[in-house]
């Protein structure tokens, strides 16, 4: 009897283990989050970039509202990724898996919610008399969050996630190495923008890597050999035996 398969098997879908299903869900959530975020930029980019953005928002409030809904959809999808990964990741590094939940499952979505609140405030202020100064403040807050703050928990969470994938070979090393390098570059961009440096191009490698990894996880899943070895009762017995003290024979 294959005990590993019995442990990993999930009820309701014969032949698909809980780890395999988690990998598929992570890939799907990554795709939903990325597409939703890209669409929100397309919908709101021209609107908010206009110097007369307040008049544009007053004329097209639904456009900004749709962008806000897309950000919420994307934020929720990305927040669920570390939650789905938690049962897998905690078996390897509970600290890093929990850090991933905190940074990408809590802090990053909280900043998305604040961004959405700023956009909804702009809709309300766009029709209020003499609201331009307050609207300018709200717009500045939203810009700082969007351009600088969100990238920091995102990149830190990606580093934790990628390190677990790399160290335990849950995906091919080239893919997790790409993620580690991409996350390190990604965090430089918002830090540089604080000093007036335009380094947004450094965000590109990680953005592409996440899409490649999403497709990989949907198609291939996590490295089941690594997961099976980690779960294997025989490997645990070997570890226990190797850690047992050696008894010296009595004279």
Protein backbone atom coordinates (compact mmCIF):
# COMPACT_ATOMS: atom_id res chain seq x y z
CA UNK A 1 0.00 0.00 0.00
CA UNK A 2 1.34 3.43 -0.93
CA UNK A 3 1.13 5.34 2.35
CA UNK A 4 2.41 8.57 0.81
CA UNK A 5 -0.43 8.64 -1.67
CA UNK A 6 -2.91 7.89 1.11
CA UNK A 7 -1.65 10.84 3.16
CA UNK A 8 -1.54 13.26 0.23
CA UNK A 9 -4.77 12.21 -1.44
CA UNK A 10 -7.63 14.66 -1.16
CA UNK A 11 -11.25 13.51 -0.99
CA UNK A 12 -13.56 14.26 -3.87
CA UNK A 13 -11.02 14.22 -6.73
CA UNK A 14 -9.44 10.79 -7.16
CA UNK A 15 -5.91 10.88 -8.54
CA UNK A 16 -5.23 14.50 -7.53
CA UNK A 17 -3.34 14.96 -4.28
CA UNK A 18 -3.89 17.87 -1.92
CA UNK A 19 -0.44 19.23 -2.88
CA UNK A 20 -1.22 18.94 -6.59
CA UNK A 21 -4.51 20.73 -6.14
CA UNK A 22 -2.80 23.46 -4.11
CA UNK A 23 -0.29 23.99 -6.94
CA UNK A 24 -3.09 24.33 -9.49
CA UNK A 25 -4.98 26.80 -7.32
CA UNK A 26 -1.84 28.88 -6.74
CA UNK A 27 -1.22 29.06 -10.48
CA UNK A 28 -4.83 30.04 -11.21
CA UNK A 29 -4.85 32.68 -8.45
CA UNK A 30 -1.61 34.17 -9.77
CA UNK A 31 -3.14 34.47 -13.23
CA UNK A 32 -6.36 36.02 -11.92
CA UNK A 33 -4.42 38.48 -9.76
CA UNK A 34 -2.08 39.54 -12.54
CA UNK A 35 -4.81 39.91 -15.17
CA UNK A 36 -7.02 41.83 -12.74
CA UNK A 37 -4.19 44.19 -11.81
CA UNK A 38 -3.22 44.77 -15.44
CA UNK A 39 -6.82 45.52 -16.40
CA UNK A 40 -7.15 47.98 -13.51
CA UNK A 41 -4.12 49.88 -14.79
CA UNK A 42 -5.58 49.95 -18.31
CA UNK A 43 -8.96 51.15 -17.05
CA UNK A 44 -7.70 53.85 -14.66
CA UNK A 45 -4.30 54.81 -16.07
CA UNK A 46 -5.42 57.44 -18.55
CA UNK A 47 -8.04 58.73 -16.16
CA UNK A 48 -5.77 59.38 -13.18
CA UNK A 49 -2.74 60.44 -15.23
CA UNK A 50 -4.64 63.38 -16.68
CA UNK A 51 -3.75 66.70 -14.95
CA UNK A 52 -7.50 67.40 -14.92
CA UNK A 53 -8.17 63.99 -13.33
CA UNK A 54 -10.81 65.34 -10.95
CA UNK A 55 -12.97 66.60 -13.82
CA UNK A 56 -12.41 63.32 -15.67
CA UNK A 57 -13.47 61.32 -12.62
CA UNK A 58 -16.59 63.47 -12.25
CA UNK A 59 -17.45 62.78 -15.89
CA UNK A 60 -16.57 59.06 -15.78
CA UNK A 61 -17.02 57.82 -12.20
CA UNK A 62 -17.93 54.31 -13.31
CA UNK A 63 -14.54 53.91 -14.99
CA UNK A 64 -12.72 54.47 -11.70
CA UNK A 65 -15.24 52.27 -9.86
CA UNK A 66 -14.58 49.40 -12.27
CA UNK A 67 -10.84 49.86 -11.74
CA UNK A 68 -11.40 49.68 -7.98
CA UNK A 69 -13.35 46.43 -8.32
CA UNK A 70 -10.56 44.95 -10.44
CA UNK A 71 -7.98 45.88 -7.78
CA UNK A 72 -10.13 44.21 -5.11
CA UNK A 73 -10.44 41.08 -7.26
CA UNK A 74 -6.70 41.00 -7.89
CA UNK A 75 -5.85 41.72 -4.26
CA UNK A 76 -8.13 38.97 -2.97
CA UNK A 77 -6.71 36.46 -5.45
CA UNK A 78 -3.11 37.27 -4.51
CA UNK A 79 -3.96 37.22 -0.79
CA UNK A 80 -5.25 33.66 -1.15
CA UNK A 81 -1.98 32.40 -2.67
CA UNK A 82 -0.06 32.22 0.65
CA UNK A 83 -3.13 30.78 2.36
CA UNK A 84 -3.30 27.94 -0.16
CA UNK A 85 0.48 27.43 0.05
CA UNK A 86 0.51 27.34 3.88
CA UNK A 87 -0.30 23.58 4.29
CA UNK A 88 2.57 22.77 1.92
CA UNK A 89 5.08 25.40 3.02
CA UNK A 90 4.75 24.85 6.77
CA UNK A 91 6.13 21.32 6.41
CA UNK A 92 9.41 22.79 5.20
CA UNK A 93 9.73 26.14 6.95
CA UNK A 94 6.89 27.26 9.18
CA UNK A 95 8.60 30.62 9.78
CA UNK A 96 8.97 31.50 6.10
CA UNK A 97 5.52 30.15 5.24
CA UNK A 98 3.97 32.29 7.98
CA UNK A 99 6.03 35.29 6.85
CA UNK A 100 4.63 34.78 3.36
CA UNK A 101 1.10 34.80 4.79
CA UNK A 102 1.79 38.00 6.74
CA UNK A 103 3.42 39.97 3.93
CA UNK A 104 1.46 38.81 0.90
CA UNK A 105 -1.69 37.60 2.59
CA UNK A 106 -2.21 40.55 4.96
CA UNK A 107 0.01 43.61 4.47
CA UNK A 108 -0.10 43.74 0.68
CA UNK A 109 -3.91 43.32 0.42
CA UNK A 110 -4.37 45.96 3.14
CA UNK A 111 -2.55 48.44 0.93
CA UNK A 112 -4.75 47.46 -2.02
CA UNK A 113 -7.81 48.17 0.11
CA UNK A 114 -6.44 51.60 1.06
CA UNK A 115 -5.85 52.32 -2.63
CA UNK A 116 -9.44 51.39 -3.44
CA UNK A 117 -10.69 53.63 -0.63
CA UNK A 118 -8.66 56.51 -2.10
CA UNK A 119 -10.25 55.96 -5.50
CA UNK A 120 -13.75 55.87 -4.03
CA UNK A 121 -12.98 59.09 -2.15
CA UNK A 122 -11.91 60.69 -5.40
CA UNK A 123 -15.27 59.76 -6.91
CA UNK A 124 -17.05 61.41 -4.00
CA UNK A 125 -14.80 64.49 -4.01
CA UNK A 126 -15.01 64.96 -7.78
CA UNK A 127 -18.50 66.45 -7.45
CA UNK A 128 -17.94 68.33 -4.18
CA UNK A 129 -17.34 72.09 -4.35
CA UNK A 130 -13.88 73.34 -3.41
CA UNK A 131 -12.64 69.75 -2.95
CA UNK A 132 -9.52 70.10 -5.10
CA UNK A 133 -7.01 70.47 -2.19
CA UNK A 134 -8.35 67.42 -0.35
CA UNK A 135 -8.58 65.45 -3.60
CA UNK A 136 -4.96 66.35 -4.32
CA UNK A 137 -3.93 64.97 -0.93
CA UNK A 138 -5.88 61.76 -1.50
CA UNK A 139 -4.33 61.39 -4.94
CA UNK A 140 -0.84 61.85 -3.50
CA UNK A 141 -1.46 59.22 -0.82
CA UNK A 142 -2.74 56.78 -3.44
CA UNK A 143 0.29 57.44 -5.65
CA UNK A 144 2.78 56.84 -2.83
CA UNK A 145 1.04 53.59 -1.86
CA UNK A 146 0.77 52.36 -5.46
CA UNK A 147 4.25 53.37 -6.63
CA UNK A 148 6.31 52.67 -3.49
CA UNK A 149 4.72 50.93 -0.53
CA UNK A 150 2.89 48.00 -2.14
CA UNK A 151 6.08 46.75 -3.80
CA UNK A 152 7.87 46.26 -0.47
CA UNK A 153 5.61 43.58 1.16
CA UNK A 154 5.14 42.06 -2.28
CA UNK A 155 8.88 41.63 -2.84
CA UNK A 156 9.61 40.46 0.72
CA UNK A 157 6.85 37.86 0.52
CA UNK A 158 8.11 36.72 -2.87
CA UNK A 159 11.61 36.27 -1.42
CA UNK A 160 10.28 34.05 1.38
CA UNK A 161 8.14 32.00 -0.99
CA UNK A 162 10.94 31.62 -3.52
CA UNK A 163 13.50 30.62 -0.90
CA UNK A 164 11.29 27.73 0.25
CA UNK A 165 10.79 26.65 -3.36
CA UNK A 166 14.53 26.88 -4.01
CA UNK A 167 15.83 25.23 -0.85
CA UNK A 168 13.49 22.25 -1.04
CA UNK A 169 13.38 21.99 -4.84
CA UNK A 170 9.59 22.24 -4.98
CA UNK A 171 9.98 23.69 -8.49
CA UNK A 172 13.00 23.52 -10.83
CA UNK A 173 16.01 25.43 -9.52
CA UNK A 174 16.15 27.70 -12.59
CA UNK A 175 12.59 28.86 -11.88
CA UNK A 176 13.11 29.54 -8.18
CA UNK A 177 16.50 31.19 -8.82
CA UNK A 178 14.82 33.46 -11.34
CA UNK A 179 12.26 34.36 -8.66
CA UNK A 180 14.92 35.12 -6.03
CA UNK A 181 16.86 37.39 -8.37
CA UNK A 182 13.66 39.00 -9.62
CA UNK A 183 12.41 39.69 -6.09
CA UNK A 184 15.74 41.24 -5.10
CA UNK A 185 15.59 43.52 -8.14
CA UNK A 186 11.93 44.28 -7.57
CA UNK A 187 12.48 45.71 -4.10
CA UNK A 188 15.17 48.08 -5.44
CA UNK A 189 12.61 49.91 -7.62
CA UNK A 190 10.41 51.39 -4.85
CA UNK A 191 13.46 52.18 -2.72
CA UNK A 192 15.01 54.00 -5.67
CA UNK A 193 11.80 55.93 -6.36
CA UNK A 194 12.01 57.37 -2.86
CA UNK A 195 15.18 59.12 -4.04
CA UNK A 196 13.75 60.19 -7.38
CA UNK A 197 15.18 57.30 -9.42
CA UNK A 198 13.03 55.74 -12.15
CA UNK A 199 13.77 52.02 -11.80
CA UNK A 200 10.41 50.49 -12.69
CA UNK A 201 12.12 48.34 -15.34
CA UNK A 202 13.58 46.25 -12.49
CA UNK A 203 10.07 45.01 -11.69
CA UNK A 204 9.81 43.25 -15.05
CA UNK A 205 11.76 40.01 -14.38
CA UNK A 206 9.65 38.99 -11.37
CA UNK A 207 6.39 39.87 -13.12
CA UNK A 208 7.30 37.59 -16.03
CA UNK A 209 8.59 34.87 -13.69
CA UNK A 210 5.29 34.74 -11.80
CA UNK A 211 3.40 34.11 -15.01
CA UNK A 212 5.83 31.37 -16.05
CA UNK A 213 5.60 29.80 -12.59
CA UNK A 214 1.79 30.00 -12.65
CA UNK A 215 1.69 28.02 -15.88
CA UNK A 216 4.29 25.58 -14.54
CA UNK A 217 2.34 24.92 -11.34
CA UNK A 218 -0.89 24.37 -13.24
CA UNK A 219 0.79 22.00 -15.69
CA UNK A 220 3.33 20.23 -13.47
CA UNK A 221 2.59 21.01 -9.82
CA UNK A 222 5.13 20.93 -7.05
CA UNK A 223 8.04 18.49 -7.11
CA UNK A 224 6.24 15.46 -5.72
CA UNK A 225 9.50 13.57 -5.22
CA UNK A 226 10.64 16.24 -2.79
CA UNK A 227 7.28 16.24 -1.01
CA UNK A 228 7.20 12.45 -0.81
CA UNK A 229 10.74 12.35 0.58
CA UNK A 230 9.82 14.92 3.22
CA UNK A 231 6.76 12.91 4.22
CA UNK A 232 8.34 9.48 4.00
CA UNK A 233 8.14 7.54 7.29
CA UNK A 234 11.32 5.68 6.34
CA UNK A 235 13.26 8.95 6.04
CA UNK A 236 11.99 9.98 9.46
CA UNK A 237 13.14 6.66 10.90
CA UNK A 238 16.57 7.20 9.37
CA UNK A 239 16.76 10.67 10.91
CA UNK A 240 15.73 9.33 14.31
CA UNK A 241 18.25 6.54 14.07
CA UNK A 242 21.05 8.89 13.07
CA UNK A 243 20.24 11.19 15.98
CA UNK A 244 20.12 8.42 18.58
CA UNK A 245 23.09 8.34 20.97
CA UNK A 246 25.64 5.59 20.41
CA UNK A 247 25.82 3.23 23.37
CA UNK A 248 29.30 2.10 24.28
CA UNK A 249 29.47 -1.61 25.04
CA UNK A 250 30.03 -2.50 28.66
CA UNK A 251 33.45 -3.83 29.52
